[in-house]
Structures are given as structure tokens and as C-alpha cells.
Amino acid sequence: MSAEDRRREAEALDWVIRLEDPHFADWAAHVAWLEADRRHAEAFDAAWLALEAATQGLEPAPPVGRSAAVEAAPPLTSPSPVAGPSRDRPPRRWALGVGGALAAGLVALVALPPALRDAPRVSTVSTAPGEQRHVALADGSQVTLNGGSVLRLDAADPRRVELAQGEGFFAIVHDADHPFTVRAGDAQVRDIGTAFDLVQESGRTRLAVHEGAVRYEAAGLTTRLDRGQALEIADGTAVRRQVDGAAVGGWRAGRLVYADSGMAEVAGDLARALGRPVRLGPAAATMRFTGVLILDRDGERTLRRVAAATGLALHRDGSGWRLDMPAR
């Protein structure tokens, strides 16, 4: 083994040990290390598996508190802090370096001509589950669609689109005289010179800003979001929070980053990326997760790492999977 290999293995083991610390917060540095060299993710994966094998059968660490259930927050307030890990099964915080491979399928390019005089007023671009597709708009703006998504385009106005379902990352060419507008359900998002990620599914909207700023407009709510800010709207309640702006849209490169996120959000993101349903048992749905997930082409292997990181059990569930508390 070369000196370089030994150095890489030592760094990987150091990251594994550091991520066991419940107060670990330097996720950006860890992601940067994983992305610096493909061999870093492979070394991290090997170190993670070695530690898992070495600790198999050992008693868990003493509990330090109880996990807080996901609760509805009042409009435009930050979520309440989480009390701590579950008394029954203390969660672990891991970044899962599973070879660094991207779970999404073939990325296709859809280039729209400047004028579509003979086309219908609205055209549709969609992706199959587990697929990504890149859409180049006539004004120079770019949209990347995640799996299971539907984007509707106004042929008469390339600055107006609708995300009917799924997830899209929007990199917009700014035009102050003609703002770019994305409709999502009963709301719309207006560009203020930006790149942002938008999720629309089952009556839930999630918006996060990667660069610049956007304005979210809906009945009874108009607000501006800047880089590193996110807004989630569900059941008539809007919750605003801070996120890592650099990590927004990381799914395009096979990376999902979470900071005190509900497991429902994690499961939805995994389902879009892997192309199969990911369901949660009642107890699992109340949990929260902090960590970095590196997606693998093998969906089941990715989910087994998620299960190990959260203390949940993974089960086959029809065409997909289910994460739930383990049987006693």
C-alpha cells in the first residue's frame, strides 16, 4: 500500500469517528472532502463498513434524551429545536459514502427552439422515476428535473413555466423587466436573479435558494427568500428555515444534505432519486435526520445505509421499500 493510500484511509477513518460525535456540524467540509477525489468516497465506505463490523452486537450508547415528533409550526417561524435522540433507539449522524455514484438514470437534454408558433400553447416535459432531464429554455435559463417530475412550458412566453409535480432545479437568467415565474399549485415563485430548488408534491411545496433571491407569492403570503433560506408549505402552514445554500440542488450530483429534516422529506427525496416508492412506518415518520447521503446506483444498498444511520429497519414493500422501527 502506498503512502497516499495510507493517508486516504487515515482521513476516511478520521471522518467516520468525527461523524459519530452528536455535535458534529462541519458537513460542508465533509462533503468537500468526499467530492475532492472519487477514491475518498470509496475509502469512507470501507472505513464505515469496518467500524460497523467491529461494533456488531455491542450495546448501544446510553440514551441522552427523547426525539421530538414533527409538529406543525406557526406561519413563517423557525421550527422548534429538537430535544435529542430517541430514548428507544438513539439515532446516529452519518454521511453515507457509498461509492459516490449517482442514483439517477440517463440525463437527457431537451433544447426548446426560440419560437414555437405551430406548437400547442403549453408543452410538457416529464421524467420517469429515477431519471434526470436537463431543459434549456429559449431565454438561456436552465432547468434540471428530478425523477417523476412534470414541467409545463408556455410556448408563447419562455419566462413562464409550471412545475406540476416532482422537483426541479432552476438556474435563471435574470431580466428585471420580465421576471421568470414558476407556478406550483396555487402559488408562484418569481426570480430576483437566482438559482433555486422547488418541490411540488401531494399538496406540499418546498422551496430553497442556492444563489440570489426569489419571491414566493400565494394567497395570504408573499415573502422574499435569499441564498440559504428555505420555505415549506403544507396543510396551510408555512415554515421558514435556514439551509446550506451550497448544498441546495445537490441531488443533481447524487448528494442529499439534511439538517434537522423530517424523515418524510428524506423519504420523498430518496423515492424521486431511486425511482421506487420509499414509505415510512408511523414511528419513523416522526423522526428527524441530520446528515449527508451519497446515492448509489443500487437503491437497496443506499437504503440499507440509511436504515443503519437512523436505527430503522428496512423492508421490501411491493415495488419499493418501507423504513420502520425494528421489531422488538
Protein backbone atom coordinates (compact mmCIF):
# COMPACT_ATOMS: atom_id res chain seq x y z
CA MET A 1 0.00 0.00 0.00
CA SER A 2 1.36 3.41 -0.98
CA ALA A 3 1.78 6.34 1.38
CA GLU A 4 -1.06 8.08 -0.47
CA ASP A 5 -3.38 5.10 0.13
CA ARG A 6 -2.49 5.07 3.83
CA ARG A 7 -3.14 8.80 4.11
CA ARG A 8 -6.52 8.43 2.40
CA GLU A 9 -7.53 5.55 4.69
CA ALA A 10 -6.48 7.52 7.76
CA GLU A 11 -8.53 10.53 6.64
CA ALA A 12 -11.55 8.31 5.96
CA LEU A 13 -11.36 6.73 9.42
CA ASP A 14 -10.99 10.18 10.99
CA TRP A 15 -14.19 11.33 9.26
CA VAL A 16 -16.06 8.21 10.40
CA ILE A 17 -15.02 8.84 14.01
CA ARG A 18 -15.82 12.55 13.83
CA LEU A 19 -19.29 11.89 12.45
CA GLU A 20 -20.07 9.72 15.49
CA ASP A 21 -19.93 12.90 17.59
CA PRO A 22 -23.58 14.01 18.09
CA HIS A 23 -22.40 17.64 17.99
CA PHE A 24 -20.67 17.31 14.62
CA ALA A 25 -21.66 20.21 12.35
CA ASP A 26 -18.92 20.60 9.71
CA TRP A 27 -20.96 18.98 6.93
CA ALA A 28 -19.69 21.33 4.22
CA ALA A 29 -16.06 20.29 4.85
CA HIS A 30 -17.00 16.61 4.82
CA VAL A 31 -18.88 16.93 1.52
CA ALA A 32 -15.93 18.85 0.03
CA TRP A 33 -13.57 16.04 1.08
CA LEU A 34 -15.85 13.38 -0.46
CA GLU A 35 -16.06 15.27 -3.75
CA ALA A 36 -12.34 16.09 -3.98
CA ASP A 37 -11.46 12.56 -5.13
CA ARG A 38 -13.72 9.63 -6.06
CA ARG A 39 -11.43 7.36 -4.02
CA HIS A 40 -12.33 9.35 -0.89
CA ALA A 41 -15.93 8.06 -1.02
CA GLU A 42 -14.67 4.50 -1.55
CA ALA A 43 -12.28 4.81 1.41
CA PHE A 44 -15.01 6.29 3.60
CA ASP A 45 -17.36 3.45 2.66
CA ALA A 46 -14.73 0.85 3.57
CA ALA A 47 -13.99 2.53 6.91
CA TRP A 48 -17.70 2.80 7.68
CA LEU A 49 -18.22 -0.92 6.98
CA ALA A 50 -15.16 -1.87 9.03
CA LEU A 51 -16.45 0.08 12.04
CA GLU A 52 -19.92 -1.39 11.60
CA ALA A 53 -18.48 -4.93 11.57
CA ALA A 54 -16.25 -4.22 14.57
CA THR A 55 -19.16 -2.92 16.66
CA GLN A 56 -21.71 -5.55 15.60
CA GLY A 57 -23.51 -6.91 18.66
CA LEU A 58 -22.26 -4.23 21.06
CA GLU A 59 -24.75 -2.49 23.33
CA PRO A 60 -25.85 0.98 22.16
CA ALA A 61 -24.64 4.09 23.95
CA PRO A 62 -26.71 5.27 26.92
CA PRO A 63 -29.68 7.42 25.85
CA VAL A 64 -29.42 11.18 26.24
CA GLY A 65 -32.96 12.32 25.58
CA ARG A 66 -36.08 11.78 23.52
CA SER A 67 -36.68 12.54 19.88
CA ALA A 68 -39.21 15.24 19.14
CA ALA A 69 -42.12 14.47 16.83
CA VAL A 70 -42.64 16.62 13.74
CA GLU A 71 -45.18 19.29 14.66
CA ALA A 72 -46.87 21.99 12.64
CA ALA A 73 -45.22 25.35 13.22
CA PRO A 74 -46.94 28.74 13.05
CA PRO A 75 -46.60 30.62 9.76
CA LEU A 76 -43.10 31.87 8.90
CA THR A 77 -41.42 30.80 12.12
CA SER A 78 -38.40 28.62 12.58
CA PRO A 79 -39.05 25.02 13.69
CA SER A 80 -38.61 24.33 17.37
CA PRO A 81 -35.27 22.77 18.33
CA VAL A 82 -35.20 19.01 18.63
CA ALA A 83 -34.92 17.70 22.18
CA GLY A 84 -32.42 14.98 21.30
CA PRO A 85 -32.18 11.42 20.03
CA SER A 86 -34.80 8.80 20.71
CA ARG A 87 -34.73 7.06 24.08
CA ASP A 88 -35.65 3.77 22.42
CA ARG A 89 -33.08 3.90 19.64
CA PRO A 90 -30.60 6.78 19.61
CA PRO A 91 -30.07 7.93 16.02
CA ARG A 92 -26.58 8.19 14.59
CA ARG A 93 -25.45 11.00 12.33
CA TRP A 94 -23.62 9.67 9.29
CA ALA A 95 -22.56 10.79 5.87
CA LEU A 96 -23.02 7.75 3.69
CA GLY A 97 -20.20 7.45 1.15
CA VAL A 98 -21.50 4.62 -0.97
CA GLY A 99 -19.02 4.76 -3.83
CA GLY A 100 -20.14 8.29 -4.77
CA ALA A 101 -22.19 7.00 -7.72
CA LEU A 102 -25.26 8.85 -8.94
CA ALA A 103 -28.57 7.06 -8.49
CA ALA A 104 -30.40 8.91 -11.25
CA GLY A 105 -30.64 7.37 -14.70
CA LEU A 106 -29.57 8.80 -18.02
CA VAL A 107 -29.56 12.61 -18.11
CA ALA A 108 -31.20 13.80 -21.31
CA LEU A 109 -31.06 17.26 -22.92
CA VAL A 110 -34.21 18.96 -24.15
CA ALA A 111 -33.48 22.15 -26.11
CA LEU A 112 -36.52 24.33 -26.85
CA PRO A 113 -36.35 26.50 -30.01
CA PRO A 114 -36.81 30.27 -29.63
CA ALA A 115 -40.25 30.22 -31.24
CA LEU A 116 -42.91 27.52 -31.23
CA ARG A 117 -45.54 29.21 -33.43
CA ASP A 118 -47.00 25.95 -34.70
CA ALA A 119 -46.85 24.11 -31.35
CA PRO A 120 -49.60 23.99 -28.75
CA ARG A 121 -49.54 26.88 -26.28
CA VAL A 122 -48.48 24.53 -23.48
CA SER A 123 -45.93 21.76 -23.96
CA THR A 124 -44.91 19.24 -21.32
CA VAL A 125 -41.54 17.79 -20.34
CA SER A 126 -41.59 14.87 -17.91
CA THR A 127 -39.17 12.41 -16.34
CA ALA A 128 -39.58 8.77 -15.46
CA PRO A 129 -38.95 7.68 -11.86
CA GLY A 130 -35.21 7.69 -11.17
CA GLU A 131 -34.41 9.76 -14.29
CA GLN A 132 -32.97 13.27 -14.55
CA ARG A 133 -33.54 15.56 -17.52
CA HIS A 134 -31.97 18.88 -18.41
CA VAL A 135 -34.15 21.53 -20.09
CA ALA A 136 -32.56 24.51 -21.86
CA LEU A 137 -35.08 27.32 -22.24
CA ALA A 138 -35.07 29.83 -25.09
CA ASP A 139 -34.05 32.73 -22.82
CA GLY A 140 -30.90 30.88 -21.67
CA SER A 141 -32.34 29.72 -18.36
CA GLN A 142 -31.73 26.10 -17.34
CA VAL A 143 -33.98 23.62 -15.54
CA THR A 144 -32.92 20.19 -14.27
CA LEU A 145 -35.82 17.86 -13.47
CA ASN A 146 -35.55 15.09 -10.89
CA GLY A 147 -37.28 11.73 -11.25
CA GLY A 148 -41.08 11.55 -11.56
CA SER A 149 -41.45 15.25 -12.44
CA VAL A 150 -43.68 17.17 -14.84
CA LEU A 151 -42.80 20.63 -16.18
CA ARG A 152 -45.26 22.59 -18.35
CA LEU A 153 -43.89 25.27 -20.67
CA ASP A 154 -45.72 28.25 -22.12
CA ALA A 155 -44.79 28.30 -25.81
CA ALA A 156 -45.70 31.97 -26.06
CA ASP A 157 -43.58 33.02 -23.09
CA PRO A 158 -40.33 31.17 -22.19
CA ARG A 159 -40.26 33.12 -18.91
CA ARG A 160 -43.34 31.31 -17.57
CA VAL A 161 -43.41 27.61 -16.59
CA GLU A 162 -45.36 25.36 -14.23
CA LEU A 163 -43.92 22.61 -12.07
CA ALA A 164 -46.97 20.35 -11.95
CA GLN A 165 -45.29 17.70 -9.81
CA GLY A 166 -41.89 16.50 -8.68
CA GLU A 167 -38.70 18.53 -8.29
CA GLY A 168 -36.76 20.96 -10.41
CA PHE A 169 -33.57 22.97 -10.01
CA PHE A 170 -33.89 26.33 -11.78
CA ALA A 171 -30.85 28.40 -12.87
CA ILE A 172 -32.41 31.60 -14.19
CA VAL A 173 -31.09 34.33 -16.47
CA HIS A 174 -32.22 37.50 -14.70
CA ASP A 175 -34.36 40.05 -16.52
CA ALA A 176 -35.73 42.77 -14.23
CA ASP A 177 -38.22 43.90 -16.87
CA HIS A 178 -39.61 40.39 -17.36
CA PRO A 179 -39.21 38.27 -14.21
CA PHE A 180 -39.10 34.49 -14.61
CA THR A 181 -42.16 32.89 -12.98
CA VAL A 182 -42.72 29.29 -11.87
CA ARG A 183 -46.23 28.24 -10.92
CA ALA A 184 -46.51 25.48 -8.30
CA GLY A 185 -50.03 24.57 -7.28
CA ASP A 186 -51.86 27.74 -6.22
CA ALA A 187 -48.62 29.69 -5.72
CA GLN A 188 -45.93 31.17 -7.90
CA VAL A 189 -42.21 31.79 -7.48
CA ARG A 190 -40.67 34.89 -9.09
CA ASP A 191 -36.97 35.13 -9.87
CA ILE A 192 -34.92 38.01 -8.46
CA GLY A 193 -31.70 36.82 -10.16
CA THR A 194 -31.18 33.34 -8.78
CA ALA A 195 -30.78 29.58 -8.77
CA PHE A 196 -33.24 27.65 -6.63
CA ASP A 197 -34.75 24.23 -5.99
CA LEU A 198 -38.52 23.66 -5.98
CA VAL A 199 -40.51 20.57 -4.95
CA GLN A 200 -44.23 20.19 -5.61
CA GLU A 201 -45.98 17.01 -4.48
CA SER A 202 -49.19 15.91 -2.75
CA GLY A 203 -50.20 19.40 -1.69
CA ARG A 204 -46.74 20.14 -0.27
CA THR A 205 -44.37 22.76 -1.68
CA ARG A 206 -40.69 23.12 -0.71
CA LEU A 207 -38.55 25.98 -1.96
CA ALA A 208 -34.82 26.53 -1.23
CA VAL A 209 -32.45 29.16 -2.65
CA HIS A 210 -28.99 28.20 -3.94
CA GLU A 211 -27.97 31.66 -5.18
CA GLY A 212 -29.58 35.08 -5.38
CA ALA A 213 -33.19 35.52 -4.26
CA VAL A 214 -36.79 34.62 -5.13
CA ARG A 215 -40.20 35.93 -4.18
CA TYR A 216 -42.85 33.41 -3.14
CA GLU A 217 -46.43 34.55 -3.75
CA ALA A 218 -49.63 32.80 -2.69
CA ALA A 219 -52.99 33.76 -1.21
CA GLY A 220 -52.26 35.38 2.15
CA LEU A 221 -48.47 35.05 1.89
CA THR A 222 -45.82 36.98 -0.02
CA THR A 223 -42.21 36.69 1.10
CA ARG A 224 -38.66 37.00 -0.20
CA LEU A 225 -36.10 34.22 0.22
CA ASP A 226 -32.36 34.78 -0.15
CA ARG A 227 -29.44 32.35 -0.52
CA GLY A 228 -29.51 29.69 2.20
CA GLN A 229 -33.18 30.21 3.05
CA ALA A 230 -35.96 27.67 2.54
CA LEU A 231 -39.74 27.64 2.83
CA GLU A 232 -42.02 24.62 3.22
CA ILE A 233 -45.77 24.94 2.82
CA ALA A 234 -48.10 22.09 3.80
CA ASP A 235 -51.67 21.97 5.09
CA GLY A 236 -51.93 25.75 5.08
CA THR A 237 -48.85 26.20 7.29
CA ALA A 238 -45.61 27.81 6.11
CA VAL A 239 -42.31 27.11 7.89
CA ARG A 240 -39.22 29.11 7.08
CA ARG A 241 -35.72 27.88 7.94
CA GLN A 242 -32.03 28.25 7.18
CA VAL A 243 -30.24 25.69 4.96
CA ASP A 244 -26.80 25.28 3.43
CA GLY A 245 -27.12 27.28 0.20
CA ALA A 246 -24.22 25.41 -1.43
CA ALA A 247 -26.00 22.08 -0.80
CA VAL A 248 -29.31 23.13 -2.40
CA GLY A 249 -29.89 21.03 -5.52
CA GLY A 250 -27.16 18.57 -4.54
CA TRP A 251 -29.33 15.70 -5.80
CA ARG A 252 -28.12 16.57 -9.33
CA ALA A 253 -24.72 15.17 -8.34
CA GLY A 254 -26.08 12.29 -6.24
CA ARG A 255 -25.83 14.05 -2.87
CA LEU A 256 -28.62 14.79 -0.38
CA VAL A 257 -27.83 17.06 2.59
CA TYR A 258 -30.10 17.41 5.64
CA ALA A 259 -30.04 19.47 8.82
CA ASP A 260 -32.78 18.52 11.29
CA SER A 261 -35.11 17.47 8.45
CA GLY A 262 -38.23 15.35 8.81
CA MET A 263 -37.95 11.76 7.58
CA ALA A 264 -40.90 12.40 5.26
CA GLU A 265 -38.69 14.84 3.34
CA VAL A 266 -35.84 12.31 3.26
CA ALA A 267 -38.13 9.52 2.04
CA GLY A 268 -39.60 11.72 -0.70
CA ASP A 269 -36.15 12.74 -1.94
CA LEU A 270 -34.95 9.12 -1.98
CA ALA A 271 -38.04 7.98 -3.86
CA ARG A 272 -37.51 10.58 -6.61
CA ALA A 273 -33.81 9.79 -6.94
CA LEU A 274 -34.10 5.99 -6.79
CA GLY A 275 -37.27 5.66 -8.85
CA ARG A 276 -39.10 3.45 -6.33
CA PRO A 277 -41.56 4.28 -3.51
CA VAL A 278 -39.98 4.77 -0.08
CA ARG A 279 -42.62 4.57 2.64
CA LEU A 280 -42.36 5.23 6.38
CA GLY A 281 -43.95 3.47 9.31
CA PRO A 282 -45.86 5.69 11.79
CA ALA A 283 -42.97 5.92 14.27
CA ALA A 284 -40.35 6.53 11.56
CA ALA A 285 -42.43 9.38 10.13
CA THR A 286 -41.98 11.39 13.36
CA MET A 287 -38.17 11.19 13.30
CA ARG A 288 -35.76 13.87 12.14
CA PHE A 289 -32.44 13.40 10.37
CA THR A 290 -29.16 15.29 10.03
CA GLY A 291 -26.52 14.01 7.65
CA VAL A 292 -25.25 13.67 4.08
CA LEU A 293 -26.47 10.83 1.87
CA ILE A 294 -24.35 9.86 -1.12
CA LEU A 295 -26.61 7.96 -3.52
CA ASP A 296 -25.67 4.67 -5.12
CA ARG A 297 -26.99 3.03 -8.29
CA ASP A 298 -28.05 0.14 -6.09
CA GLY A 299 -31.15 1.60 -4.43
CA GLU A 300 -31.49 -1.13 -1.82
CA ARG A 301 -27.87 -0.74 -0.76
CA THR A 302 -28.39 3.01 -0.36
CA LEU A 303 -31.48 2.43 1.77
CA ARG A 304 -29.72 -0.13 3.95
CA ARG A 305 -27.17 2.54 4.79
CA VAL A 306 -29.99 4.98 5.58
CA ALA A 307 -31.56 2.34 7.85
CA ALA A 308 -28.25 1.80 9.64
CA ALA A 309 -27.72 5.54 10.06
CA THR A 310 -31.19 6.13 11.55
CA GLY A 311 -31.62 2.91 13.54
CA LEU A 312 -34.61 1.92 11.40
CA ALA A 313 -35.41 -1.42 9.80
CA LEU A 314 -35.71 -1.75 6.01
CA HIS A 315 -38.43 -3.94 4.46
CA ARG A 316 -39.46 -4.71 0.91
CA ASP A 317 -42.87 -3.14 0.28
CA GLY A 318 -44.41 -4.07 -3.08
CA SER A 319 -42.40 -2.33 -5.79
CA GLY A 320 -40.50 -0.23 -3.24
CA TRP A 321 -39.28 -0.19 0.36
CA ARG A 322 -40.52 0.73 3.82
CA LEU A 323 -38.48 2.13 6.71
CA ASP A 324 -39.89 1.45 10.18
CA MET A 325 -38.88 0.94 13.76
CA PRO A 326 -37.32 -2.53 14.22
CA ALA A 327 -39.43 -5.28 15.76
CA ARG A 328 -38.73 -5.95 19.42
